């Protein structure tokens, strides 16, 4: 069941990344680095985090957001911090 939840989260996060950073959805993997692979600046990253919060209804504090580098880390964080 947890794998289904993570797959669902990954799909939603991928949509956000594809739209926000104009990236081909097929190129989005767990290992994709938000800061280096997407060349996201701090404003892009903050907007991305805000969009995640809106989508998943969960606040991501600044300290935690700083630690999120890859899509996989974002998916794991959301899976751990959202209700089933």
PDB file of N, CA and C in Angstrom:
ATOM      1  N   UNK A   1       0.819  -1.206   0.000  1.00  0.00           N
ATOM      2  CA  UNK A   1       0.000   0.000   0.000  1.00  0.00           C
ATOM      3  C   UNK A   1       0.861   1.267   0.000  1.00  0.00           C
ATOM      4  N   UNK A   2       1.955   1.253   0.730  1.00  0.00           N
ATOM      5  CA  UNK A   2       2.827   2.422   0.779  1.00  0.00           C
ATOM      6  C   UNK A   2       3.398   2.744  -0.602  1.00  0.00           C
ATOM      7  N   UNK A   3       3.676   1.698  -1.377  1.00  0.00           N
ATOM      8  CA  UNK A   3       4.216   1.922  -2.714  1.00  0.00           C
ATOM      9  C   UNK A   3       3.213   2.642  -3.607  1.00  0.00           C
ATOM     10  N   UNK A   4       1.929   2.277  -3.471  1.00  0.00           N
ATOM     11  CA  UNK A   4       0.891   2.971  -4.238  1.00  0.00           C
ATOM     12  C   UNK A   4       0.825   4.437  -3.853  1.00  0.00           C
ATOM     13  N   UNK A   5       0.935   4.706  -2.548  1.00  0.00           N
ATOM     14  CA  UNK A   5       0.890   6.091  -2.077  1.00  0.00           C
ATOM     15  C   UNK A   5       2.067   6.873  -2.653  1.00  0.00           C
ATOM     16  N   UNK A   6       3.254   6.274  -2.611  1.00  0.00           N
ATOM     17  CA  UNK A   6       4.434   6.963  -3.138  1.00  0.00           C
ATOM     18  C   UNK A   6       4.334   7.160  -4.646  1.00  0.00           C
ATOM     19  N   UNK A   7       3.775   6.194  -5.348  1.00  0.00           N
ATOM     20  CA  UNK A   7       3.600   6.336  -6.793  1.00  0.00           C
ATOM     21  C   UNK A   7       2.654   7.500  -7.090  1.00  0.00           C
ATOM     22  N   UNK A   8       1.580   7.574  -6.325  1.00  0.00           N
ATOM     23  CA  UNK A   8       0.618   8.664  -6.502  1.00  0.00           C
ATOM     24  C   UNK A   8       1.279  10.011  -6.208  1.00  0.00           C
ATOM     25  N   UNK A   9       2.047  10.077  -5.131  1.00  0.00           N
ATOM     26  CA  UNK A   9       2.751  11.313  -4.772  1.00  0.00           C
ATOM     27  C   UNK A   9       3.765  11.668  -5.862  1.00  0.00           C
ATOM     28  N   UNK A  10       4.526  10.665  -6.310  1.00  0.00           N
ATOM     29  CA  UNK A  10       5.518  10.898  -7.364  1.00  0.00           C
ATOM     30  C   UNK A  10       4.845  11.478  -8.614  1.00  0.00           C
ATOM     31  N   UNK A  11       3.711  10.929  -8.989  1.00  0.00           N
ATOM     32  CA  UNK A  11       3.009  11.417 -10.178  1.00  0.00           C
ATOM     33  C   UNK A  11       2.585  12.870 -10.023  1.00  0.00           C
ATOM     34  N   UNK A  12       2.074  13.217  -8.840  1.00  0.00           N
ATOM     35  CA  UNK A  12       1.660  14.610  -8.606  1.00  0.00           C
ATOM     36  C   UNK A  12       2.867  15.542  -8.584  1.00  0.00           C
ATOM     37  N   UNK A  13       3.940  15.113  -7.907  1.00  0.00           N
ATOM     38  CA  UNK A  13       5.155  15.934  -7.855  1.00  0.00           C
ATOM     39  C   UNK A  13       5.725  16.103  -9.260  1.00  0.00           C
ATOM     40  N   UNK A  14       5.705  15.043 -10.051  1.00  0.00           N
ATOM     41  CA  UNK A  14       6.206  15.115 -11.433  1.00  0.00           C
ATOM     42  C   UNK A  14       5.423  16.123 -12.251  1.00  0.00           C
ATOM     43  N   UNK A  15       4.114  16.135 -12.075  1.00  0.00           N
ATOM     44  CA  UNK A  15       3.277  17.116 -12.782  1.00  0.00           C
ATOM     45  C   UNK A  15       3.676  18.538 -12.416  1.00  0.00           C
ATOM     46  N   UNK A  16       3.865  18.766 -11.118  1.00  0.00           N
ATOM     47  CA  UNK A  16       4.254  20.102 -10.647  1.00  0.00           C
ATOM     48  C   UNK A  16       5.606  20.497 -11.242  1.00  0.00           C
ATOM     49  N   UNK A  17       6.573  19.583 -11.191  1.00  0.00           N
ATOM     50  CA  UNK A  17       7.906  19.862 -11.727  1.00  0.00           C
ATOM     51  C   UNK A  17       7.829  20.126 -13.228  1.00  0.00           C
ATOM     52  N   UNK A  18       7.095  19.299 -13.953  1.00  0.00           N
ATOM     53  CA  UNK A  18       6.974  19.467 -15.405  1.00  0.00           C
ATOM     54  C   UNK A  18       6.386  20.835 -15.743  1.00  0.00           C
ATOM     55  N   UNK A  19       5.329  21.222 -15.017  1.00  0.00           N
ATOM     56  CA  UNK A  19       4.683  22.513 -15.282  1.00  0.00           C
ATOM     57  C   UNK A  19       5.552  23.682 -14.827  1.00  0.00           C
ATOM     58  N   UNK A  20       6.070  23.575 -13.617  1.00  0.00           N
ATOM     59  CA  UNK A  20       6.789  24.699 -13.006  1.00  0.00           C
ATOM     60  C   UNK A  20       8.137  24.961 -13.679  1.00  0.00           C
ATOM     61  N   UNK A  21       8.836  23.895 -14.046  1.00  0.00           N
ATOM     62  CA  UNK A  21      10.179  24.051 -14.593  1.00  0.00           C
ATOM     63  C   UNK A  21      10.261  23.758 -16.083  1.00  0.00           C
ATOM     64  N   UNK A  22       9.103  23.529 -16.708  1.00  0.00           N
ATOM     65  CA  UNK A  22       9.035  23.266 -18.146  1.00  0.00           C
ATOM     66  C   UNK A  22       9.971  22.121 -18.543  1.00  0.00           C
ATOM     67  N   UNK A  23       9.798  20.988 -17.860  1.00  0.00           N
ATOM     68  CA  UNK A  23      10.623  19.801 -18.081  1.00  0.00           C
ATOM     69  C   UNK A  23       9.744  18.701 -18.671  1.00  0.00           C
ATOM     70  N   UNK A  24      10.309  17.932 -19.578  1.00  0.00           N
ATOM     71  CA  UNK A  24       9.606  16.781 -20.132  1.00  0.00           C
ATOM     72  C   UNK A  24       9.350  15.785 -19.011  1.00  0.00           C
ATOM     73  N   UNK A  25       8.106  15.420 -18.833  1.00  0.00           N
ATOM     74  CA  UNK A  25       7.711  14.523 -17.741  1.00  0.00           C
ATOM     75  C   UNK A  25       8.480  13.196 -17.773  1.00  0.00           C
ATOM     76  N   UNK A  26       8.829  12.734 -18.960  1.00  0.00           N
ATOM     77  CA  UNK A  26       9.556  11.465 -19.102  1.00  0.00           C
ATOM     78  C   UNK A  26      10.960  11.539 -18.504  1.00  0.00           C
ATOM     79  N   UNK A  27      11.495  12.750 -18.337  1.00  0.00           N
ATOM     80  CA  UNK A  27      12.852  12.911 -17.802  1.00  0.00           C
ATOM     81  C   UNK A  27      12.865  13.036 -16.279  1.00  0.00           C
ATOM     82  N   UNK A  28      11.700  13.019 -15.661  1.00  0.00           N
ATOM     83  CA  UNK A  28      11.621  13.196 -14.211  1.00  0.00           C
ATOM     84  C   UNK A  28      11.723  11.836 -13.533  1.00  0.00           C
ATOM     85  N   UNK A  29      12.769  11.688 -12.723  1.00  0.00           N
ATOM     86  CA  UNK A  29      13.006  10.448 -11.986  1.00  0.00           C
ATOM     87  C   UNK A  29      13.222  10.784 -10.509  1.00  0.00           C
ATOM     88  N   UNK A  30      13.293   9.750  -9.679  1.00  0.00           N
ATOM     89  CA  UNK A  30      13.570   9.953  -8.254  1.00  0.00           C
ATOM     90  C   UNK A  30      14.895  10.664  -8.027  1.00  0.00           C
ATOM     91  N   UNK A  31      15.857  10.447  -8.920  1.00  0.00           N
ATOM     92  CA  UNK A  31      17.198  11.004  -8.752  1.00  0.00           C
ATOM     93  C   UNK A  31      17.348  12.423  -9.279  1.00  0.00           C
ATOM     94  N   UNK A  32      16.334  12.947  -9.932  1.00  0.00           N
ATOM     95  CA  UNK A  32      16.421  14.294 -10.491  1.00  0.00           C
ATOM     96  C   UNK A  32      16.662  15.288  -9.363  1.00  0.00           C
ATOM     97  N   UNK A  33      17.729  16.069  -9.490  1.00  0.00           N
ATOM     98  CA  UNK A  33      18.076  17.047  -8.457  1.00  0.00           C
ATOM     99  C   UNK A  33      17.438  18.388  -8.796  1.00  0.00           C
ATOM    100  N   UNK A  34      16.643  18.886  -7.865  1.00  0.00           N
ATOM    101  CA  UNK A  34      15.891  20.115  -8.105  1.00  0.00           C
ATOM    102  C   UNK A  34      16.800  21.321  -8.323  1.00  0.00           C
ATOM    103  N   UNK A  35      17.897  21.355  -7.608  1.00  0.00           N
ATOM    104  CA  UNK A  35      18.746  22.542  -7.675  1.00  0.00           C
ATOM    105  C   UNK A  35      19.763  22.473  -8.800  1.00  0.00           C
ATOM    106  N   UNK A  36      20.328  21.294  -9.046  1.00  0.00           N
ATOM    107  CA  UNK A  36      21.363  21.219 -10.084  1.00  0.00           C
ATOM    108  C   UNK A  36      20.801  20.807 -11.440  1.00  0.00           C
ATOM    109  N   UNK A  37      19.957  19.791 -11.480  1.00  0.00           N
ATOM    110  CA  UNK A  37      19.426  19.327 -12.768  1.00  0.00           C
ATOM    111  C   UNK A  37      18.420  20.297 -13.372  1.00  0.00           C
ATOM    112  N   UNK A  38      17.687  20.995 -12.515  1.00  0.00           N
ATOM    113  CA  UNK A  38      16.668  21.915 -13.024  1.00  0.00           C
ATOM    114  C   UNK A  38      17.148  23.361 -13.030  1.00  0.00           C
ATOM    115  N   UNK A  39      18.353  23.581 -12.490  1.00  0.00           N
ATOM    116  CA  UNK A  39      18.912  24.927 -12.430  1.00  0.00           C
ATOM    117  C   UNK A  39      17.933  25.895 -11.759  1.00  0.00           C
ATOM    118  N   UNK A  40      17.310  25.421 -10.682  1.00  0.00           N
ATOM    119  CA  UNK A  40      16.321  26.235  -9.971  1.00  0.00           C
ATOM    120  C   UNK A  40      17.023  27.215  -9.039  1.00  0.00           C
ATOM    121  N   UNK A  41      16.617  28.465  -9.114  1.00  0.00           N
ATOM    122  CA  UNK A  41      17.162  29.423  -8.151  1.00  0.00           C
ATOM    123  C   UNK A  41      16.293  29.393  -6.897  1.00  0.00           C
ATOM    124  N   UNK A  42      16.645  30.198  -5.912  1.00  0.00           N
ATOM    125  CA  UNK A  42      15.938  30.124  -4.630  1.00  0.00           C
ATOM    126  C   UNK A  42      14.464  30.509  -4.771  1.00  0.00           C
ATOM    127  N   UNK A  43      14.150  31.452  -5.644  1.00  0.00           N
ATOM    128  CA  UNK A  43      12.753  31.854  -5.837  1.00  0.00           C
ATOM    129  C   UNK A  43      11.966  30.714  -6.483  1.00  0.00           C
ATOM    130  N   UNK A  44      12.555  30.075  -7.497  1.00  0.00           N
ATOM    131  CA  UNK A  44      11.907  28.924  -8.130  1.00  0.00           C
ATOM    132  C   UNK A  44      11.621  27.843  -7.097  1.00  0.00           C
ATOM    133  N   UNK A  45      12.605  27.596  -6.235  1.00  0.00           N
ATOM    134  CA  UNK A  45      12.472  26.529  -5.249  1.00  0.00           C
ATOM    135  C   UNK A  45      11.375  26.861  -4.235  1.00  0.00           C
ATOM    136  N   UNK A  46      11.329  28.104  -3.768  1.00  0.00           N
ATOM    137  CA  UNK A  46      10.287  28.519  -2.814  1.00  0.00           C
ATOM    138  C   UNK A  46       8.908  28.377  -3.453  1.00  0.00           C
ATOM    139  N   UNK A  47       8.770  28.802  -4.696  1.00  0.00           N
ATOM    140  CA  UNK A  47       7.484  28.675  -5.395  1.00  0.00           C
ATOM    141  C   UNK A  47       7.092  27.208  -5.543  1.00  0.00           C
ATOM    142  N   UNK A  48       8.074  26.357  -5.828  1.00  0.00           N
ATOM    143  CA  UNK A  48       7.838  24.923  -5.950  1.00  0.00           C
ATOM    144  C   UNK A  48       7.344  24.354  -4.623  1.00  0.00           C
ATOM    145  N   UNK A  49       7.990  24.720  -3.525  1.00  0.00           N
ATOM    146  CA  UNK A  49       7.591  24.240  -2.197  1.00  0.00           C
ATOM    147  C   UNK A  49       6.171  24.718  -1.873  1.00  0.00           C
ATOM    148  N   UNK A  50       5.863  25.962  -2.180  1.00  0.00           N
ATOM    149  CA  UNK A  50       4.508  26.482  -1.934  1.00  0.00           C
ATOM    150  C   UNK A  50       3.469  25.704  -2.736  1.00  0.00           C
ATOM    151  N   UNK A  51       3.819  25.367  -3.954  1.00  0.00           N
ATOM    152  CA  UNK A  51       2.906  24.589  -4.799  1.00  0.00           C
ATOM    153  C   UNK A  51       2.707  23.183  -4.220  1.00  0.00           C
ATOM    154  N   UNK A  52       3.785  22.595  -3.695  1.00  0.00           N
ATOM    155  CA  UNK A  52       3.675  21.293  -3.031  1.00  0.00           C
ATOM    156  C   UNK A  52       2.730  21.387  -1.834  1.00  0.00           C
ATOM    157  N   UNK A  53       2.905  22.442  -1.037  1.00  0.00           N
ATOM    158  CA  UNK A  53       2.057  22.627   0.142  1.00  0.00           C
ATOM    159  C   UNK A  53       0.588  22.735  -0.250  1.00  0.00           C
ATOM    160  N   UNK A  54       0.308  23.498  -1.302  1.00  0.00           N
ATOM    161  CA  UNK A  54      -1.072  23.653  -1.775  1.00  0.00           C
ATOM    162  C   UNK A  54      -1.632  22.321  -2.270  1.00  0.00           C
ATOM    163  N   UNK A  55      -0.831  21.595  -3.015  1.00  0.00           N
ATOM    164  CA  UNK A  55      -1.277  20.337  -3.611  1.00  0.00           C
ATOM    165  C   UNK A  55      -1.547  19.271  -2.561  1.00  0.00           C
ATOM    166  N   UNK A  56      -0.662  19.170  -1.584  1.00  0.00           N
ATOM    167  CA  UNK A  56      -0.758  18.084  -0.611  1.00  0.00           C
ATOM    168  C   UNK A  56      -1.369  18.506   0.723  1.00  0.00           C
ATOM    169  N   UNK A  57      -1.661  19.801   0.878  1.00  0.00           N
ATOM    170  CA  UNK A  57      -2.302  20.273   2.100  1.00  0.00           C
ATOM    171  C   UNK A  57      -1.446  20.083   3.343  1.00  0.00           C
ATOM    172  N   UNK A  58      -0.160  20.154   3.164  1.00  0.00           N
ATOM    173  CA  UNK A  58       0.774  19.935   4.276  1.00  0.00           C
ATOM    174  C   UNK A  58       1.852  21.012   4.234  1.00  0.00           C
ATOM    175  N   UNK A  59       2.080  21.655   5.367  1.00  0.00           N
ATOM    176  CA  UNK A  59       3.108  22.686   5.415  1.00  0.00           C
ATOM    177  C   UNK A  59       4.489  22.042   5.466  1.00  0.00           C
ATOM    178  N   UNK A  60       5.406  22.611   4.707  1.00  0.00           N
ATOM    179  CA  UNK A  60       6.798  22.152   4.715  1.00  0.00           C
ATOM    180  C   UNK A  60       7.623  23.296   5.288  1.00  0.00           C
ATOM    181  N   UNK A  61       8.163  23.089   6.493  1.00  0.00           N
ATOM    182  CA  UNK A  61       8.902  24.205   7.094  1.00  0.00           C
ATOM    183  C   UNK A  61      10.207  24.452   6.337  1.00  0.00           C
ATOM    184  N   UNK A  62      10.736  25.662   6.495  1.00  0.00           N
ATOM    185  CA  UNK A  62      11.908  26.078   5.730  1.00  0.00           C
ATOM    186  C   UNK A  62      13.110  25.167   5.967  1.00  0.00           C
ATOM    187  N   UNK A  63      13.291  24.752   7.209  1.00  0.00           N
ATOM    188  CA  UNK A  63      14.425  23.892   7.538  1.00  0.00           C
ATOM    189  C   UNK A  63      14.342  22.560   6.789  1.00  0.00           C
ATOM    190  N   UNK A  64      13.144  21.982   6.749  1.00  0.00           N
ATOM    191  CA  UNK A  64      12.957  20.731   6.015  1.00  0.00           C
ATOM    192  C   UNK A  64      13.104  20.952   4.510  1.00  0.00           C
ATOM    193  N   UNK A  65      12.547  22.041   4.013  1.00  0.00           N
ATOM    194  CA  UNK A  65      12.612  22.328   2.577  1.00  0.00           C
ATOM    195  C   UNK A  65      14.063  22.431   2.104  1.00  0.00           C
ATOM    196  N   UNK A  66      14.917  23.022   2.933  1.00  0.00           N
ATOM    197  CA  UNK A  66      16.334  23.166   2.587  1.00  0.00           C
ATOM    198  C   UNK A  66      17.004  21.818   2.337  1.00  0.00           C
ATOM    199  N   UNK A  67      16.518  20.775   3.017  1.00  0.00           N
ATOM    200  CA  UNK A  67      17.128  19.449   2.932  1.00  0.00           C
ATOM    201  C   UNK A  67      16.650  18.655   1.713  1.00  0.00           C
ATOM    202  N   UNK A  68      15.593  19.124   1.067  1.00  0.00           N
ATOM    203  CA  UNK A  68      15.031  18.397  -0.073  1.00  0.00           C
ATOM    204  C   UNK A  68      15.790  18.744  -1.345  1.00  0.00           C
ATOM    205  N   UNK A  69      16.505  17.756  -1.875  1.00  0.00           N
ATOM    206  CA  UNK A  69      17.296  18.003  -3.082  1.00  0.00           C
ATOM    207  C   UNK A  69      16.748  17.271  -4.301  1.00  0.00           C
ATOM    208  N   UNK A  70      16.316  16.036  -4.090  1.00  0.00           N
ATOM    209  CA  UNK A  70      15.873  15.230  -5.232  1.00  0.00           C
ATOM    210  C   UNK A  70      14.364  14.992  -5.190  1.00  0.00           C
ATOM    211  N   UNK A  71      13.833  14.579  -6.312  1.00  0.00           N
ATOM    212  CA  UNK A  71      12.414  14.244  -6.389  1.00  0.00           C
ATOM    213  C   UNK A  71      12.088  13.129  -5.393  1.00  0.00           C
ATOM    214  N   UNK A  72      12.970  12.136  -5.291  1.00  0.00           N
ATOM    215  CA  UNK A  72      12.768  11.032  -4.356  1.00  0.00           C
ATOM    216  C   UNK A  72      12.664  11.509  -2.919  1.00  0.00           C
ATOM    217  N   UNK A  73      13.511  12.479  -2.537  1.00  0.00           N
ATOM    218  CA  UNK A  73      13.453  13.028  -1.174  1.00  0.00           C
ATOM    219  C   UNK A  73      12.140  13.765  -0.940  1.00  0.00           C
ATOM    220  N   UNK A  74      11.672  14.482  -1.955  1.00  0.00           N
ATOM    221  CA  UNK A  74      10.395  15.197  -1.843  1.00  0.00           C
ATOM    222  C   UNK A  74       9.259  14.190  -1.651  1.00  0.00           C
ATOM    223  N   UNK A  75       9.255  13.138  -2.458  1.00  0.00           N
ATOM    224  CA  UNK A  75       8.212  12.108  -2.371  1.00  0.00           C
ATOM    225  C   UNK A  75       8.235  11.451  -0.993  1.00  0.00           C
ATOM    226  N   UNK A  76       9.422  11.083  -0.512  1.00  0.00           N
ATOM    227  CA  UNK A  76       9.536  10.452   0.807  1.00  0.00           C
ATOM    228  C   UNK A  76       9.046  11.386   1.909  1.00  0.00           C
ATOM    229  N   UNK A  77       9.434  12.650   1.824  1.00  0.00           N
ATOM    230  CA  UNK A  77       9.024  13.627   2.834  1.00  0.00           C
ATOM    231  C   UNK A  77       7.503  13.741   2.872  1.00  0.00           C
ATOM    232  N   UNK A  78       6.894  13.896   1.715  1.00  0.00           N
ATOM    233  CA  UNK A  78       5.436  14.043   1.653  1.00  0.00           C
ATOM    234  C   UNK A  78       4.753  12.784   2.152  1.00  0.00           C
ATOM    235  N   UNK A  79       5.262  11.622   1.770  1.00  0.00           N
ATOM    236  CA  UNK A  79       4.676  10.351   2.216  1.00  0.00           C
ATOM    237  C   UNK A  79       4.721  10.230   3.740  1.00  0.00           C
ATOM    238  N   UNK A  80       5.812  10.694   4.349  1.00  0.00           N
ATOM    239  CA  UNK A  80       5.957  10.607   5.801  1.00  0.00           C
ATOM    240  C   UNK A  80       5.100  11.627   6.544  1.00  0.00           C
ATOM    241  N   UNK A  81       4.817  12.744   5.911  1.00  0.00           N
ATOM    242  CA  UNK A  81       4.164  13.851   6.608  1.00  0.00           C
ATOM    243  C   UNK A  81       2.685  14.062   6.259  1.00  0.00           C
ATOM    244  N   UNK A  82       2.145  13.213   5.422  1.00  0.00           N
ATOM    245  CA  UNK A  82       0.719  13.345   5.101  1.00  0.00           C
ATOM    246  C   UNK A  82      -0.045  12.143   5.622  1.00  0.00           C
ATOM    247  N   UNK A  83      -1.298  12.375   5.898  1.00  0.00           N
ATOM    248  CA  UNK A  83      -2.156  11.292   6.378  1.00  0.00           C
ATOM    249  C   UNK A  83      -2.449  10.335   5.225  1.00  0.00           C
ATOM    250  N   UNK A  84      -2.823   9.106   5.567  1.00  0.00           N
ATOM    251  CA  UNK A  84      -3.161   8.129   4.521  1.00  0.00           C
ATOM    252  C   UNK A  84      -4.303   8.631   3.768  1.00  0.00           C
TER     253      UNK A  84
END
